[in-house]
Protein backbone atom coordinates (compact mmCIF):
# COMPACT_ATOMS: atom_id res chain seq x y z
CA MET A 1 -0.38 -0.08 0.50
CA ALA A 2 1.48 3.76 -1.18
CA ARG A 3 0.51 6.11 2.08
CA VAL A 4 -0.27 9.19 0.06
CA ALA A 5 -2.65 12.23 -0.24
CA ARG A 6 -3.84 15.26 -2.25
CA CYS A 7 -4.04 18.62 -1.14
CA PRO A 8 -7.13 20.45 -0.71
CA ALA A 9 -6.35 23.42 -2.34
CA CYS A 10 -4.46 22.98 -5.57
CA GLY A 11 -5.24 19.32 -5.49
CA GLU A 12 -1.80 18.02 -6.39
CA VAL A 13 -1.13 14.26 -5.08
CA THR A 14 2.48 13.34 -2.93
CA GLU A 15 3.53 11.37 -0.55
CA VAL A 16 4.78 14.10 1.38
CA PRO A 17 3.45 15.40 4.62
CA ARG A 18 3.56 18.39 2.77
CA CYS A 19 2.20 19.58 -0.50
CA ALA A 20 5.32 20.27 -3.24
CA SER A 21 3.49 22.82 -4.66
CA CYS A 22 2.22 24.99 -1.75
CA GLY A 23 3.32 23.71 0.84
CA ALA A 24 -0.06 23.04 2.31
CA GLU A 25 0.34 20.81 5.91
CA LEU A 26 -2.12 17.41 4.27
CA ALA A 27 -3.47 14.59 5.73
CA THR A 28 -2.57 11.60 4.05
CA ALA A 29 -4.68 8.29 3.45
CA VAL A 30 -4.17 4.77 2.39
CA VAL A 31 -4.69 4.23 -1.60
CA GLU A 32 -4.52 0.60 -2.81
CA PRO A 33 -2.20 -0.20 -5.44
CA LEU A 34 -3.18 -0.24 -9.29
CA CYS A 35 -2.50 -3.77 -9.46
CA ASP A 36 -5.49 -5.74 -7.81
CA PRO A 37 -4.72 -9.49 -7.12
CA ALA A 38 -8.37 -10.06 -7.04
CA ALA A 39 -9.43 -8.25 -10.82
CA GLY A 40 -8.04 -12.32 -12.38
CA ASP A 41 -9.78 -14.00 -9.99
CA ARG A 42 -13.22 -11.66 -10.93
CA GLU A 43 -12.39 -12.17 -14.48
CA GLN A 44 -11.82 -16.17 -14.44
CA GLY A 45 -14.51 -15.99 -11.89
CA ALA A 46 -16.79 -14.10 -15.13
CA SER A 47 -15.67 -16.14 -17.64
CA ASP A 48 -16.54 -19.45 -15.98
CA ARG A 49 -20.06 -18.24 -15.60
CA ASP A 50 -20.43 -17.27 -19.52
CA GLN A 51 -19.01 -20.36 -19.78
CA THR A 52 -21.67 -22.77 -17.76
CA ALA A 53 -24.35 -19.91 -19.67
CA SER A 54 -23.32 -21.44 -22.83
CA ASP A 55 -22.90 -25.06 -21.82
CA GLN A 56 -26.91 -24.80 -20.31
CA ASP A 57 -27.88 -22.39 -23.28
CA GLN A 58 -26.56 -25.67 -25.75
CA THR A 59 -28.32 -28.66 -23.53
CA TRP A 60 -31.63 -26.39 -23.81
CA SER A 61 -31.02 -26.40 -27.68
CA ASP A 62 -31.10 -30.40 -27.40
CA HIS A 63 -34.03 -30.50 -25.21
CA ASP A 64 -36.31 -28.38 -27.40
CA GLN A 65 -34.63 -29.99 -30.29
CA THR A 66 -35.74 -33.54 -28.99
CA ALA A 67 -39.57 -31.73 -27.38
CA SER A 68 -39.52 -31.26 -31.40
CA GLU A 69 -38.97 -34.56 -32.62
CA ARG A 70 -41.31 -35.75 -29.98
CA ASP A 71 -43.54 -33.20 -30.94
CA GLN A 72 -43.81 -34.46 -35.01
CA ARG A 73 -44.16 -38.34 -34.03
CA SER A 74 -46.58 -37.17 -31.97
CA ALA A 75 -48.32 -35.12 -35.04
CA ASP A 76 -47.87 -37.81 -37.76
CA GLU A 77 -49.25 -40.73 -34.92
CA ASP A 78 -52.57 -39.13 -34.61
CA GLN A 79 -52.34 -38.74 -38.07
CA HIS A 80 -52.02 -42.67 -38.91
CA ALA A 81 -54.57 -43.19 -36.87
CA ALA A 82 -56.92 -41.06 -38.84
CA ASP A 83 -56.32 -42.75 -41.76
CA ASP A 84 -56.65 -45.51 -39.94
CA ASP A 85 -60.15 -44.20 -38.65
CA PHE A 86 -61.45 -42.95 -42.29
CA ALA A 87 -60.48 -46.02 -43.88
CA ALA A 88 -62.17 -48.48 -41.43
CA GLY A 89 -65.55 -47.30 -41.14
CA GLY A 90 -66.44 -48.68 -38.07
CA ASP A 91 -64.03 -51.53 -37.58
CA ALA A 92 -63.61 -51.94 -33.93
CA VAL A 93 -60.20 -53.36 -34.17
CA THR A 94 -58.88 -51.07 -36.35
CA TYR A 95 -60.26 -48.10 -34.01
CA GLN A 96 -58.96 -49.31 -31.11
CA ARG A 97 -54.89 -49.66 -32.85
CA SER A 98 -55.85 -45.87 -33.60
CA ALA A 99 -57.61 -45.09 -30.58
CA LEU A 100 -53.80 -46.45 -29.06
CA ALA A 101 -52.00 -44.68 -31.06
CA ARG A 102 -53.69 -41.43 -29.85
CA GLU A 103 -53.04 -42.56 -26.16
CA ARG A 104 -49.29 -43.07 -27.03
CA SER A 105 -49.31 -39.24 -29.11
CA GLY A 106 -51.30 -37.69 -26.01
CA ARG A 107 -48.38 -39.66 -23.26
CA ASP A 108 -45.79 -37.85 -25.51
CA ARG A 109 -47.58 -34.57 -25.57
CA ALA A 110 -47.19 -34.92 -21.87
CA ALA A 111 -43.69 -35.14 -21.87
CA VAL A 112 -42.57 -32.52 -23.67
CA SER A 113 -44.80 -30.62 -21.67
CA VAL A 114 -43.73 -31.56 -19.36
CA VAL A 115 -40.18 -30.87 -20.54
CA ARG A 116 -40.68 -27.46 -21.96
CA ALA A 117 -41.62 -26.52 -18.41
CA GLU A 118 -38.56 -27.71 -17.28
CA ILE A 119 -36.44 -25.45 -19.78
CA ALA A 120 -38.77 -22.65 -19.16
CA ALA A 121 -37.71 -22.78 -15.33
CA ALA A 122 -33.93 -23.70 -16.13
CA ARG A 123 -33.96 -20.60 -18.57
CA LEU A 124 -34.98 -17.95 -16.01
CA ARG A 125 -32.73 -19.56 -13.26
CA THR A 126 -30.07 -18.85 -15.98
CA ALA A 127 -31.11 -15.73 -16.86
CA ALA A 128 -31.14 -15.01 -13.12
CA ASP A 129 -27.50 -15.58 -13.29
CA ARG A 130 -27.13 -13.48 -16.26
CA ASP A 131 -28.49 -11.16 -14.04
CA ARG A 132 -25.48 -11.17 -11.60
CA ALA A 133 -22.84 -11.81 -13.78
CA ALA A 134 -24.03 -8.55 -15.70
CA GLU A 135 -23.79 -6.58 -11.88
CA LEU A 136 -20.87 -8.36 -10.80
CA ARG A 137 -19.33 -7.09 -14.18
CA ASP A 138 -20.68 -3.25 -13.89
CA ARG A 139 -18.80 -3.48 -10.13
CA GLY A 140 -15.74 -4.50 -11.94
CA ALA A 141 -15.79 -1.58 -14.50
CA GLU A 142 -16.78 0.71 -11.11
CA GLY A 143 -14.05 -0.76 -9.61
CA ARG A 144 -11.58 -0.43 -12.36
CA ASP A 145 -12.93 3.55 -13.44
CA ALA A 146 -11.82 4.31 -10.02
CA LEU A 147 -8.76 2.00 -10.48
CA ALA A 148 -8.29 4.40 -13.05
CA ARG A 149 -8.71 7.74 -11.73
CA LEU A 150 -6.48 6.57 -8.95
CA HIS A 151 -3.68 5.88 -11.58
CA ASP A 152 -2.13 9.30 -11.27
CA LEU A 153 -1.43 8.75 -7.90
CA GLN A 154 1.54 6.47 -7.88
CA ASP A 155 3.28 5.10 -10.96
CA ASP A 156 4.14 1.42 -11.05
CA SER A 157 4.59 -1.45 -13.12
CA GLY A 158 1.07 -2.45 -13.51
CA ALA A 159 -1.53 -1.00 -16.11
CA SER A 160 -1.96 2.10 -17.52
CA ARG A 161 -4.49 4.46 -17.19
CA GLU A 162 -5.53 4.01 -20.76
CA ASP A 163 -5.53 0.18 -20.56
CA ILE A 164 -7.48 0.30 -17.31
CA LEU A 165 -9.97 2.66 -18.61
CA LEU A 166 -10.29 0.24 -21.88
CA ARG A 167 -10.93 -3.22 -19.80
CA ALA A 168 -13.72 -0.42 -17.74
CA GLU A 169 -15.12 -0.04 -20.91
CA ARG A 170 -14.77 -4.05 -22.28
CA ASP A 171 -16.52 -4.92 -18.85
CA ARG A 172 -19.38 -2.36 -19.03
CA ALA A 173 -19.89 -3.95 -22.72
CA ARG A 174 -19.90 -7.29 -21.64
CA ALA A 175 -22.45 -6.60 -18.60
CA ALA A 176 -24.68 -5.24 -21.20
CA ALA A 177 -24.54 -7.95 -23.49
CA ASP A 178 -25.39 -9.88 -20.41
CA ARG A 179 -28.44 -8.11 -20.15
CA ALA A 180 -29.75 -8.32 -22.76
CA LYS A 181 -29.29 -11.84 -22.61
CA ALA A 182 -31.02 -12.57 -19.69
CA ALA A 183 -34.04 -10.60 -20.97
CA ASP A 184 -33.68 -12.83 -24.27
CA ASP A 185 -33.52 -15.94 -22.03
CA ARG A 186 -37.15 -14.79 -19.47
CA ALA A 187 -38.54 -13.94 -23.45
CA ARG A 188 -37.45 -17.28 -24.77
CA ALA A 189 -38.88 -18.86 -20.95
CA ALA A 190 -42.11 -16.95 -21.40
CA ALA A 191 -42.74 -18.91 -24.85
CA ASP A 192 -41.85 -22.06 -23.42
CA ARG A 193 -44.52 -22.11 -21.14
CA GLU A 194 -47.36 -20.89 -23.29
CA GLN A 195 -45.93 -23.53 -24.90
CA ALA A 196 -45.82 -25.87 -22.20
CA ALA A 197 -49.73 -25.05 -21.34
CA ARG A 198 -50.55 -25.23 -25.17
CA GLU A 199 -49.42 -28.36 -25.21
CA CYS A 200 -50.96 -29.80 -21.84
CA ALA A 201 -54.17 -28.64 -22.96
CA GLU A 202 -53.64 -30.89 -25.92
CA ALA A 203 -52.57 -33.87 -23.85
CA LEU A 204 -55.79 -33.56 -21.79
CA ARG A 205 -57.45 -33.95 -24.97
CA ASP A 206 -55.83 -35.93 -26.89
CA ARG A 207 -56.25 -38.51 -24.05
CA ALA A 208 -59.82 -37.28 -23.29
CA GLU A 209 -60.48 -38.45 -27.80
CA SER A 210 -58.49 -41.88 -26.82
CA ALA A 211 -60.37 -42.55 -24.43
CA ASP A 212 -64.02 -42.00 -25.82
CA ASN A 213 -62.88 -43.51 -29.04
CA LEU A 214 -61.23 -46.97 -26.54
CA LYS A 215 -65.13 -46.63 -24.74
CA LEU A 216 -66.22 -47.08 -28.33
CA ALA A 217 -64.31 -49.67 -29.62
CA ILE A 218 -64.74 -52.13 -26.39
CA THR A 219 -68.76 -51.49 -26.20
CA ASP A 220 -71.29 -53.31 -27.75
CA GLN A 221 -73.22 -50.31 -29.19
CA LEU A 222 -76.41 -51.95 -28.45
CA THR A 223 -76.45 -53.87 -24.56
CA GLY A 224 -73.98 -51.63 -23.84
CA ALA A 225 -71.91 -54.45 -22.91
CA LEU A 226 -68.16 -55.50 -23.90
CA THR A 227 -67.54 -56.68 -27.36
CA ARG A 228 -66.76 -60.63 -27.30
CA ARG A 229 -63.01 -60.25 -27.98
CA PHE A 230 -62.30 -57.19 -25.15
CA GLY A 231 -65.24 -58.50 -22.53
CA LEU A 232 -62.93 -62.07 -22.16
CA GLU A 233 -60.44 -60.54 -22.09
CA GLU A 234 -61.18 -59.25 -18.89
CA VAL A 235 -63.01 -62.22 -17.84
CA SER A 236 -59.10 -63.88 -18.17
CA ARG A 237 -57.87 -61.62 -16.12
CA GLU A 238 -60.77 -62.13 -13.69
CA LEU A 239 -60.64 -65.47 -13.61
CA GLU A 240 -56.27 -65.23 -13.46
CA ARG A 241 -57.40 -62.89 -10.33
CA SER A 242 -58.90 -65.31 -8.96
CA HIS A 243 -56.29 -68.27 -8.48
CA ARG A 244 -53.68 -65.97 -7.67
CA THR A 245 -56.23 -64.59 -4.72
CA GLY A 246 -58.24 -67.63 -3.84
CA ALA A 247 -61.51 -65.40 -4.51
CA THR A 248 -64.27 -66.25 -5.27
CA LEU A 249 -65.76 -66.39 -9.11
CA VAL A 250 -68.71 -66.92 -10.66
CA LEU A 251 -69.31 -66.72 -14.16
CA ALA A 252 -72.88 -65.97 -15.47
CA PHE A 253 -74.02 -67.43 -18.72
CA VAL A 254 -77.26 -65.15 -19.59
CA ASP A 255 -79.59 -66.48 -22.74
CA VAL A 256 -82.16 -63.06 -23.55
CA ASP A 257 -85.35 -65.93 -24.22
CA GLY A 258 -87.93 -65.49 -27.56
CA LEU A 259 -84.86 -63.21 -29.32
CA LYS A 260 -85.65 -64.87 -32.53
CA GLN A 261 -88.97 -64.93 -32.65
CA VAL A 262 -88.74 -61.00 -31.48
CA ASN A 263 -86.68 -60.44 -34.80
CA ASP A 264 -89.03 -62.56 -36.88
CA SER A 265 -92.59 -61.07 -35.79
CA GLN A 266 -91.88 -57.57 -34.61
CA GLY A 267 -88.75 -56.89 -36.54
CA HIS A 268 -85.31 -56.26 -35.87
CA LEU A 269 -85.63 -52.56 -34.49
CA ALA A 270 -87.72 -54.69 -31.73
CA GLY A 271 -85.60 -56.72 -31.20
CA ASP A 272 -82.72 -54.30 -30.50
CA ALA A 273 -84.61 -52.92 -27.98
CA LEU A 274 -84.81 -55.74 -26.36
CA LEU A 275 -81.93 -56.27 -26.16
CA ARG A 276 -81.39 -53.15 -25.51
CA LEU A 277 -83.75 -53.48 -22.55
CA VAL A 278 -81.37 -56.76 -20.93
CA GLY A 279 -78.44 -54.59 -21.00
CA GLU A 280 -79.94 -51.67 -19.10
CA THR A 281 -81.00 -53.76 -16.64
CA LEU A 282 -78.53 -55.79 -15.77
CA ARG A 283 -75.62 -52.79 -15.83
CA ALA A 284 -78.46 -51.46 -13.62
CA ASN A 285 -78.09 -54.52 -10.89
CA VAL A 286 -74.69 -56.04 -10.88
CA ARG A 287 -72.01 -54.32 -9.61
CA PRO A 288 -69.88 -51.96 -11.37
CA TYR A 289 -66.66 -53.69 -11.43
CA ASP A 290 -68.63 -56.77 -12.87
CA VAL A 291 -66.97 -57.62 -15.72
CA ILE A 292 -70.61 -58.08 -18.36
CA VAL A 293 -70.01 -59.25 -21.94
CA ARG A 294 -71.36 -59.48 -25.42
CA TYR A 295 -71.19 -63.47 -26.46
CA GLY A 296 -73.23 -63.55 -29.03
CA GLY A 297 -76.41 -62.51 -30.94
CA ASP A 298 -78.68 -62.95 -27.34
CA GLU A 299 -76.50 -64.35 -25.17
CA LEU A 300 -74.52 -62.20 -22.74
CA VAL A 301 -71.98 -63.99 -20.28
CA CYS A 302 -71.13 -61.94 -16.73
CA ALA A 303 -68.42 -61.99 -14.63
CA MET A 304 -68.49 -61.37 -10.86
CA PRO A 305 -66.01 -61.56 -8.48
CA ASN A 306 -65.72 -62.48 -4.61
CA LEU A 307 -69.68 -63.99 -4.86
CA SER A 308 -70.69 -67.47 -4.14
CA ALA A 309 -73.14 -69.27 -7.10
CA ARG A 310 -76.11 -69.24 -4.67
CA GLU A 311 -75.61 -65.14 -3.98
CA ALA A 312 -74.50 -64.90 -7.84
CA ARG A 313 -77.89 -66.00 -8.39
CA ALA A 314 -80.48 -64.03 -6.06
CA ARG A 315 -78.64 -61.41 -8.10
CA PHE A 316 -80.54 -62.52 -11.53
CA GLU A 317 -84.06 -62.73 -9.36
CA PRO A 318 -84.59 -58.80 -9.22
CA ILE A 319 -83.29 -58.79 -13.37
CA ALA A 320 -85.81 -61.26 -14.39
CA ALA A 321 -88.97 -59.01 -12.48
CA ALA A 322 -87.21 -56.01 -13.95
CA LEU A 323 -87.53 -57.75 -17.23
CA THR A 324 -91.40 -59.02 -17.05
CA ALA A 325 -92.45 -55.93 -15.29
CA ILE A 326 -92.16 -54.58 -18.75
CA ASP A 327 -93.45 -57.23 -20.56
CA ALA A 328 -95.02 -60.66 -19.59
CA GLU A 329 -93.29 -62.19 -22.76
CA HIS A 330 -89.43 -61.00 -21.74
CA SER A 331 -87.03 -63.32 -20.15
CA VAL A 332 -84.15 -64.92 -19.44
CA THR A 333 -82.54 -68.06 -19.18
CA VAL A 334 -79.12 -67.71 -16.56
CA GLY A 335 -76.82 -70.92 -15.96
CA LEU A 336 -74.31 -70.34 -13.36
CA ALA A 337 -70.09 -71.71 -12.10
CA GLU A 338 -68.06 -70.90 -10.01
CA ALA A 339 -63.79 -70.91 -10.67
CA ASP A 340 -62.30 -74.02 -9.53
CA PRO A 341 -58.33 -73.20 -9.25
CA ALA A 342 -57.62 -75.25 -12.64
CA ASP A 343 -60.13 -73.99 -14.31
CA SER A 344 -59.35 -72.46 -18.33
CA LEU A 345 -61.76 -69.18 -19.30
CA GLN A 346 -63.06 -72.25 -21.82
CA ASP A 347 -63.75 -74.23 -19.29
CA LEU A 348 -65.76 -71.91 -17.01
CA ILE A 349 -67.81 -70.72 -19.93
CA ALA A 350 -68.39 -74.49 -20.91
CA ARG A 351 -70.02 -74.89 -17.47
CA ALA A 352 -72.21 -72.26 -17.20
CA ASP A 353 -73.11 -72.75 -20.62
CA ALA A 354 -74.28 -76.66 -19.43
CA ASP A 355 -76.15 -74.92 -16.81
CA LEU A 356 -77.96 -72.82 -18.54
CA LEU A 357 -79.36 -75.90 -20.92
CA GLN A 358 -80.36 -77.94 -17.84
CA ALA A 359 -82.05 -74.37 -16.90
CA ARG A 360 -83.92 -74.36 -19.92
CA ARG A 361 -84.79 -78.02 -20.15
CA SER A 362 -85.80 -77.79 -16.27
CA GLY A 363 -88.06 -74.70 -17.85
CA HIS A 364 -86.88 -72.66 -14.86
CA SER A 365 -85.61 -69.61 -16.87
CA ASN A 366 -85.04 -67.47 -13.99
CA ASP A 367 -83.24 -69.83 -12.11
């Protein structure tokens, strides 16, 4: 440290307690040397922060590219699904495939929206880091300005006044660039948030549409029961669960009595109305998790977990009563089979069907 003083009368700087120009007594002060040992460390820190910000920019650009590619894939899957729907008309299998494609695209869009939200948050953090870096550079520039003003106070082997002023000017320019970059980061973060919100909304719409399509693909339009292919898969899962847990499972085989006669005498619209009535009555009287499947033209099966055959039969009594209350000619014949540990799905269906035939031969259509 050099101990110097400035004359309050004439402004002359000296290292002696008297001014060399006018001889006035001076109060001494400590002035830091022009060669600031911490300046290099600050400069290195600023350079490291620049490199980190640049690396983060590259990372977010890579994420943006990945998100864009997933967006394109989702759009392609949507288009393929739409093409399949158009080509298939009302084909349930193709409808199911297109519904699953839309479901995948919905999941992709949801994932992309999460990525974009993360990118937006990270860009805001980067912007805040750049703000802090700009503030530090401002302080460094102010320090160098002060150092330049004090350069005349001593003569050493350090940088010249001009060099210090140039460095201060450069720091101000870099600070301004940092602020501009921080503002750009905030704008891009805001755009990312808006895009994430749009993609979230699209994902929700895709999922809702996929759920509707899937429900339409696997639901019999007349009875409201599951279609045979997908319904039997659900019954098979219930049977596997019964084998795994030891819980009881009853399969009911339901035949709509006299459907052919109704079709022949009253027309198919009347037959459709009867099937619709039977489906509605079944769904209203069984539990929400019981699996109802349209097995054939006038046949349905219903898997009823955690019930015995006696309890299941009791549940069909109000069903039969509800049908005959609407029309005395309406009835169903029911056959029941309780699952054994060694049963396959076909074994269980065959035993329920055999019980139905036995009930029909004995004349007990509802027992």
